[in-house]
Amino acid sequence: MLITATELKNNIGKYLALAATHDIYITKNGKSIAKLTSAAADKVALLDSLVGIVPDGNLTLNDIKKERLKKQ
């Protein structure tokens, strides 16, 4: 959903409620300046991005660091 900063200012309660289920992009002067999103959704996205980083449960911390650096 795309809204202006003025629209957000005038209807903050409505958009806070919508942010639980939708990402809301806020624009100012036609440019996207912020994103309002659910805190729970961000945690899920972060966890999803970490899946598969550590392929083996018997690795040392240094092994994990080396493996992660190879993927960058």
PDB file of N, CA and C in Angstrom:
ATOM      1  N   MET A   1       0.854  -1.159   0.000  1.00  0.00           N
ATOM      2  CA  MET A   1       0.000   0.000   0.000  1.00  0.00           C
ATOM      3  C   MET A   1       0.905   1.228   0.000  1.00  0.00           C
ATOM      4  N   LEU A   2       0.546   2.218  -0.768  1.00  0.00           N
ATOM      5  CA  LEU A   2       1.317   3.442  -0.907  1.00  0.00           C
ATOM      6  C   LEU A   2       0.466   4.621  -0.460  1.00  0.00           C
ATOM      7  N   ILE A   3       0.974   5.384   0.510  1.00  0.00           N
ATOM      8  CA  ILE A   3       0.243   6.556   1.001  1.00  0.00           C
ATOM      9  C   ILE A   3       1.192   7.731   1.153  1.00  0.00           C
ATOM     10  N   THR A   4       0.635   8.914   1.237  1.00  0.00           N
ATOM     11  CA  THR A   4       1.450  10.104   1.461  1.00  0.00           C
ATOM     12  C   THR A   4       1.666  10.316   2.955  1.00  0.00           C
ATOM     13  N   ALA A   5       2.677  11.092   3.290  1.00  0.00           N
ATOM     14  CA  ALA A   5       2.949  11.408   4.690  1.00  0.00           C
ATOM     15  C   ALA A   5       1.766  12.147   5.312  1.00  0.00           C
ATOM     16  N   THR A   6       1.111  13.003   4.542  1.00  0.00           N
ATOM     17  CA  THR A   6      -0.057  13.733   5.041  1.00  0.00           C
ATOM     18  C   THR A   6      -1.195  12.782   5.349  1.00  0.00           C
ATOM     19  N   GLU A   7      -1.421  11.794   4.482  1.00  0.00           N
ATOM     20  CA  GLU A   7      -2.460  10.798   4.709  1.00  0.00           C
ATOM     21  C   GLU A   7      -2.175  10.014   5.985  1.00  0.00           C
ATOM     22  N   LEU A   8      -0.923   9.652   6.198  1.00  0.00           N
ATOM     23  CA  LEU A   8      -0.544   8.948   7.417  1.00  0.00           C
ATOM     24  C   LEU A   8      -0.803   9.814   8.641  1.00  0.00           C
ATOM     25  N   LYS A   9      -0.401  11.061   8.562  1.00  0.00           N
ATOM     26  CA  LYS A   9      -0.580  11.996   9.675  1.00  0.00           C
ATOM     27  C   LYS A   9      -2.061  12.145  10.038  1.00  0.00           C
ATOM     28  N   ASN A  10      -2.908  12.236   9.044  1.00  0.00           N
ATOM     29  CA  ASN A  10      -4.336  12.452   9.276  1.00  0.00           C
ATOM     30  C   ASN A  10      -5.076  11.192   9.721  1.00  0.00           C
ATOM     31  N   ASN A  11      -4.520  10.012   9.441  1.00  0.00           N
ATOM     32  CA  ASN A  11      -5.209   8.750   9.748  1.00  0.00           C
ATOM     33  C   ASN A  11      -4.267   7.738  10.386  1.00  0.00           C
ATOM     34  N   ILE A  12      -3.446   8.171  11.323  1.00  0.00           N
ATOM     35  CA  ILE A  12      -2.411   7.308  11.895  1.00  0.00           C
ATOM     36  C   ILE A  12      -2.974   6.029  12.498  1.00  0.00           C
ATOM     37  N   GLY A  13      -4.090   6.107  13.203  1.00  0.00           N
ATOM     38  CA  GLY A  13      -4.674   4.923  13.826  1.00  0.00           C
ATOM     39  C   GLY A  13      -5.069   3.866  12.815  1.00  0.00           C
ATOM     40  N   LYS A  14      -5.664   4.303  11.730  1.00  0.00           N
ATOM     41  CA  LYS A  14      -6.084   3.394  10.667  1.00  0.00           C
ATOM     42  C   LYS A  14      -4.883   2.654  10.080  1.00  0.00           C
ATOM     43  N   TYR A  15      -3.805   3.382   9.820  1.00  0.00           N
ATOM     44  CA  TYR A  15      -2.643   2.768   9.189  1.00  0.00           C
ATOM     45  C   TYR A  15      -1.826   1.921  10.154  1.00  0.00           C
ATOM     46  N   LEU A  16      -1.838   2.258  11.434  1.00  0.00           N
ATOM     47  CA  LEU A  16      -1.184   1.392  12.413  1.00  0.00           C
ATOM     48  C   LEU A  16      -1.891   0.042  12.478  1.00  0.00           C
ATOM     49  N   ALA A  17      -3.204   0.061  12.424  1.00  0.00           N
ATOM     50  CA  ALA A  17      -3.964  -1.195  12.421  1.00  0.00           C
ATOM     51  C   ALA A  17      -3.695  -1.992  11.143  1.00  0.00           C
ATOM     52  N   LEU A  18      -3.647  -1.322  10.004  1.00  0.00           N
ATOM     53  CA  LEU A  18      -3.387  -2.005   8.730  1.00  0.00           C
ATOM     54  C   LEU A  18      -1.969  -2.568   8.650  1.00  0.00           C
ATOM     55  N   ALA A  19      -1.032  -1.940   9.350  1.00  0.00           N
ATOM     56  CA  ALA A  19       0.366  -2.385   9.298  1.00  0.00           C
ATOM     57  C   ALA A  19       0.542  -3.792   9.864  1.00  0.00           C
ATOM     58  N   ALA A  20      -0.412  -4.253  10.649  1.00  0.00           N
ATOM     59  CA  ALA A  20      -0.328  -5.613  11.186  1.00  0.00           C
ATOM     60  C   ALA A  20      -0.407  -6.661  10.083  1.00  0.00           C
ATOM     61  N   THR A  21      -1.055  -6.313   8.970  1.00  0.00           N
ATOM     62  CA  THR A  21      -1.234  -7.287   7.895  1.00  0.00           C
ATOM     63  C   THR A  21      -0.691  -6.835   6.539  1.00  0.00           C
ATOM     64  N   HIS A  22      -0.342  -5.563   6.408  1.00  0.00           N
ATOM     65  CA  HIS A  22       0.138  -5.025   5.129  1.00  0.00           C
ATOM     66  C   HIS A  22       1.386  -4.174   5.350  1.00  0.00           C
ATOM     67  N   ASP A  23       2.278  -4.184   4.370  1.00  0.00           N
ATOM     68  CA  ASP A  23       3.371  -3.215   4.366  1.00  0.00           C
ATOM     69  C   ASP A  23       2.829  -1.916   3.797  1.00  0.00           C
ATOM     70  N   ILE A  24       3.141  -0.816   4.458  1.00  0.00           N
ATOM     71  CA  ILE A  24       2.657   0.489   4.019  1.00  0.00           C
ATOM     72  C   ILE A  24       3.876   1.351   3.695  1.00  0.00           C
ATOM     73  N   TYR A  25       3.959   1.791   2.459  1.00  0.00           N
ATOM     74  CA  TYR A  25       5.042   2.652   2.019  1.00  0.00           C
ATOM     75  C   TYR A  25       4.566   4.088   2.062  1.00  0.00           C
ATOM     76  N   ILE A  26       5.353   4.943   2.701  1.00  0.00           N
ATOM     77  CA  ILE A  26       4.977   6.337   2.892  1.00  0.00           C
ATOM     78  C   ILE A  26       5.820   7.199   1.963  1.00  0.00           C
ATOM     79  N   THR A  27       5.139   8.091   1.250  1.00  0.00           N
ATOM     80  CA  THR A  27       5.828   8.957   0.302  1.00  0.00           C
ATOM     81  C   THR A  27       5.745  10.413   0.753  1.00  0.00           C
ATOM     82  N   LYS A  28       6.719  11.180   0.324  1.00  0.00           N
ATOM     83  CA  LYS A  28       6.732  12.616   0.554  1.00  0.00           C
ATOM     84  C   LYS A  28       7.291  13.249  -0.715  1.00  0.00           C
ATOM     85  N   ASN A  29       6.532  14.164  -1.260  1.00  0.00           N
ATOM     86  CA  ASN A  29       6.916  14.808  -2.527  1.00  0.00           C
ATOM     87  C   ASN A  29       7.165  13.779  -3.628  1.00  0.00           C
ATOM     88  N   GLY A  30       6.363  12.719  -3.629  1.00  0.00           N
ATOM     89  CA  GLY A  30       6.448  11.715  -4.675  1.00  0.00           C
ATOM     90  C   GLY A  30       7.552  10.690  -4.506  1.00  0.00           C
ATOM     91  N   LYS A  31       8.334  10.791  -3.426  1.00  0.00           N
ATOM     92  CA  LYS A  31       9.433   9.853  -3.203  1.00  0.00           C
ATOM     93  C   LYS A  31       9.144   9.005  -1.971  1.00  0.00           C
ATOM     94  N   SER A  32       9.436   7.721  -2.068  1.00  0.00           N
ATOM     95  CA  SER A  32       9.236   6.815  -0.947  1.00  0.00           C
ATOM     96  C   SER A  32      10.245   7.150   0.148  1.00  0.00           C
ATOM     97  N   ILE A  33       9.754   7.398   1.384  1.00  0.00           N
ATOM     98  CA  ILE A  33      10.657   7.795   2.468  1.00  0.00           C
ATOM     99  C   ILE A  33      10.667   6.829   3.642  1.00  0.00           C
ATOM    100  N   ALA A  34       9.627   5.991   3.764  1.00  0.00           N
ATOM    101  CA  ALA A  34       9.565   5.082   4.905  1.00  0.00           C
ATOM    102  C   ALA A  34       8.656   3.901   4.587  1.00  0.00           C
ATOM    103  N   LYS A  35       8.804   2.885   5.427  1.00  0.00           N
ATOM    104  CA  LYS A  35       7.961   1.692   5.304  1.00  0.00           C
ATOM    105  C   LYS A  35       7.434   1.365   6.695  1.00  0.00           C
ATOM    106  N   LEU A  36       6.134   1.240   6.808  1.00  0.00           N
ATOM    107  CA  LEU A  36       5.485   0.865   8.056  1.00  0.00           C
ATOM    108  C   LEU A  36       5.076  -0.592   7.920  1.00  0.00           C
ATOM    109  N   THR A  37       5.571  -1.436   8.832  1.00  0.00           N
ATOM    110  CA  THR A  37       5.327  -2.862   8.721  1.00  0.00           C
ATOM    111  C   THR A  37       5.144  -3.479  10.102  1.00  0.00           C
ATOM    112  N   SER A  38       4.659  -4.664  10.150  1.00  0.00           N
ATOM    113  CA  SER A  38       4.446  -5.373  11.403  1.00  0.00           C
ATOM    114  C   SER A  38       5.781  -5.818  11.992  1.00  0.00           C
ATOM    115  N   ALA A  39       5.946  -5.624  13.276  1.00  0.00           N
ATOM    116  CA  ALA A  39       7.169  -6.082  13.941  1.00  0.00           C
ATOM    117  C   ALA A  39       7.276  -7.604  13.877  1.00  0.00           C
ATOM    118  N   ALA A  40       6.174  -8.298  13.990  1.00  0.00           N
ATOM    119  CA  ALA A  40       6.185  -9.763  13.923  1.00  0.00           C
ATOM    120  C   ALA A  40       6.600 -10.241  12.539  1.00  0.00           C
ATOM    121  N   ALA A  41       6.144  -9.578  11.501  1.00  0.00           N
ATOM    122  CA  ALA A  41       6.495  -9.970  10.136  1.00  0.00           C
ATOM    123  C   ALA A  41       7.990  -9.793   9.893  1.00  0.00           C
ATOM    124  N   ASP A  42       8.582  -8.743  10.458  1.00  0.00           N
ATOM    125  CA  ASP A  42      10.018  -8.537  10.297  1.00  0.00           C
ATOM    126  C   ASP A  42      10.810  -9.664  10.942  1.00  0.00           C
ATOM    127  N   LYS A  43      10.370 -10.138  12.086  1.00  0.00           N
ATOM    128  CA  LYS A  43      11.070 -11.237  12.749  1.00  0.00           C
ATOM    129  C   LYS A  43      10.985 -12.511  11.927  1.00  0.00           C
ATOM    130  N   VAL A  44       9.842 -12.774  11.355  1.00  0.00           N
ATOM    131  CA  VAL A  44       9.675 -13.963  10.522  1.00  0.00           C
ATOM    132  C   VAL A  44      10.560 -13.864   9.289  1.00  0.00           C
ATOM    133  N   ALA A  45      10.607 -12.694   8.659  1.00  0.00           N
ATOM    134  CA  ALA A  45      11.447 -12.508   7.478  1.00  0.00           C
ATOM    135  C   ALA A  45      12.922 -12.681   7.826  1.00  0.00           C
ATOM    136  N   LEU A  46      13.324 -12.189   8.976  1.00  0.00           N
ATOM    137  CA  LEU A  46      14.713 -12.336   9.407  1.00  0.00           C
ATOM    138  C   LEU A  46      15.059 -13.809   9.615  1.00  0.00           C
ATOM    139  N   LEU A  47      14.186 -14.528  10.285  1.00  0.00           N
ATOM    140  CA  LEU A  47      14.436 -15.952  10.495  1.00  0.00           C
ATOM    141  C   LEU A  47      14.477 -16.717   9.184  1.00  0.00           C
ATOM    142  N   ASP A  48      13.582 -16.378   8.262  1.00  0.00           N
ATOM    143  CA  ASP A  48      13.585 -17.033   6.956  1.00  0.00           C
ATOM    144  C   ASP A  48      14.897 -16.795   6.220  1.00  0.00           C
ATOM    145  N   SER A  49      15.465 -15.603   6.371  1.00  0.00           N
ATOM    146  CA  SER A  49      16.714 -15.295   5.679  1.00  0.00           C
ATOM    147  C   SER A  49      17.896 -16.056   6.280  1.00  0.00           C
ATOM    148  N   LEU A  50      17.770 -16.519   7.511  1.00  0.00           N
ATOM    149  CA  LEU A  50      18.861 -17.237   8.160  1.00  0.00           C
ATOM    150  C   LEU A  50      18.838 -18.741   7.899  1.00  0.00           C
ATOM    151  N   VAL A  51      17.732 -19.248   7.417  1.00  0.00           N
ATOM    152  CA  VAL A  51      17.609 -20.684   7.176  1.00  0.00           C
ATOM    153  C   VAL A  51      18.659 -21.131   6.162  1.00  0.00           C
ATOM    154  N   GLY A  52      19.388 -22.167   6.521  1.00  0.00           N
ATOM    155  CA  GLY A  52      20.374 -22.731   5.610  1.00  0.00           C
ATOM    156  C   GLY A  52      21.762 -22.151   5.734  1.00  0.00           C
ATOM    157  N   ILE A  53      21.979 -21.205   6.620  1.00  0.00           N
ATOM    158  CA  ILE A  53      23.316 -20.620   6.761  1.00  0.00           C
ATOM    159  C   ILE A  53      24.286 -21.631   7.367  1.00  0.00           C
ATOM    160  N   VAL A  54      23.836 -22.368   8.360  1.00  0.00           N
ATOM    161  CA  VAL A  54      24.682 -23.346   9.030  1.00  0.00           C
ATOM    162  C   VAL A  54      24.244 -24.741   8.591  1.00  0.00           C
ATOM    163  N   PRO A  55      25.002 -25.354   7.681  1.00  0.00           N
ATOM    164  CA  PRO A  55      24.580 -26.629   7.124  1.00  0.00           C
ATOM    165  C   PRO A  55      24.797 -27.831   8.044  1.00  0.00           C
ATOM    166  N   ASP A  56      25.700 -27.735   9.015  1.00  0.00           N
ATOM    167  CA  ASP A  56      26.037 -28.886   9.854  1.00  0.00           C
ATOM    168  C   ASP A  56      26.033 -28.459  11.315  1.00  0.00           C
ATOM    169  N   GLY A  57      25.446 -29.238  12.181  1.00  0.00           N
ATOM    170  CA  GLY A  57      25.368 -28.897  13.595  1.00  0.00           C
ATOM    171  C   GLY A  57      26.661 -29.107  14.350  1.00  0.00           C
ATOM    172  N   ASN A  58      27.686 -29.700  13.735  1.00  0.00           N
ATOM    173  CA  ASN A  58      28.949 -29.997  14.423  1.00  0.00           C
ATOM    174  C   ASN A  58      30.063 -29.020  14.079  1.00  0.00           C
ATOM    175  N   LEU A  59      29.725 -27.862  13.549  1.00  0.00           N
ATOM    176  CA  LEU A  59      30.739 -26.887  13.167  1.00  0.00           C
ATOM    177  C   LEU A  59      31.125 -26.003  14.342  1.00  0.00           C
ATOM    178  N   THR A  60      32.368 -25.533  14.333  1.00  0.00           N
ATOM    179  CA  THR A  60      32.804 -24.564  15.336  1.00  0.00           C
ATOM    180  C   THR A  60      32.378 -23.172  14.900  1.00  0.00           C
ATOM    181  N   LEU A  61      32.489 -22.221  15.805  1.00  0.00           N
ATOM    182  CA  LEU A  61      32.125 -20.849  15.489  1.00  0.00           C
ATOM    183  C   LEU A  61      32.960 -20.313  14.325  1.00  0.00           C
ATOM    184  N   ASN A  62      34.239 -20.639  14.296  1.00  0.00           N
ATOM    185  CA  ASN A  62      35.101 -20.185  13.197  1.00  0.00           C
ATOM    186  C   ASN A  62      34.686 -20.813  11.869  1.00  0.00           C
ATOM    187  N   ASP A  63      34.291 -22.078  11.895  1.00  0.00           N
ATOM    188  CA  ASP A  63      33.810 -22.741  10.675  1.00  0.00           C
ATOM    189  C   ASP A  63      32.556 -22.046  10.146  1.00  0.00           C
ATOM    190  N   ILE A  64      31.666 -21.696  11.061  1.00  0.00           N
ATOM    191  CA  ILE A  64      30.429 -21.021  10.674  1.00  0.00           C
ATOM    192  C   ILE A  64      30.736 -19.666  10.051  1.00  0.00           C
ATOM    193  N   LYS A  65      31.658 -18.916  10.650  1.00  0.00           N
ATOM    194  CA  LYS A  65      32.043 -17.602  10.108  1.00  0.00           C
ATOM    195  C   LYS A  65      32.625 -17.743   8.703  1.00  0.00           C
ATOM    196  N   LYS A  66      33.498 -18.723   8.518  1.00  0.00           N
ATOM    197  CA  LYS A  66      34.110 -18.941   7.207  1.00  0.00           C
ATOM    198  C   LYS A  66      33.039 -19.295   6.158  1.00  0.00           C
ATOM    199  N   GLU A  67      32.114 -20.167   6.566  1.00  0.00           N
ATOM    200  CA  GLU A  67      31.033 -20.591   5.650  1.00  0.00           C
ATOM    201  C   GLU A  67      30.174 -19.395   5.252  1.00  0.00           C
ATOM    202  N   ARG A  68      29.847 -18.548   6.210  1.00  0.00           N
ATOM    203  CA  ARG A  68      29.013 -17.378   5.956  1.00  0.00           C
ATOM    204  C   ARG A  68      29.742 -16.386   5.031  1.00  0.00           C
ATOM    205  N   LEU A  69      31.021 -16.184   5.246  1.00  0.00           N
ATOM    206  CA  LEU A  69      31.787 -15.249   4.423  1.00  0.00           C
ATOM    207  C   LEU A  69      31.905 -15.743   2.986  1.00  0.00           C
ATOM    208  N   LYS A  70      31.928 -17.054   2.780  1.00  0.00           N
ATOM    209  CA  LYS A  70      31.975 -17.598   1.431  1.00  0.00           C
ATOM    210  C   LYS A  70      30.721 -17.253   0.640  1.00  0.00           C
ATOM    211  N   LYS A  71      29.590 -17.119   1.332  1.00  0.00           N
ATOM    212  CA  LYS A  71      28.320 -16.872   0.671  1.00  0.00           C
ATOM    213  C   LYS A  71      28.090 -15.407   0.320  1.00  0.00           C
ATOM    214  N   GLN A  72      28.954 -14.540   0.779  1.00  0.00           N
ATOM    215  CA  GLN A  72      28.761 -13.107   0.503  1.00  0.00           C
ATOM    216  C   GLN A  72      29.353 -12.699  -0.804  1.00  0.00           C
TER     217      GLN A  72
END
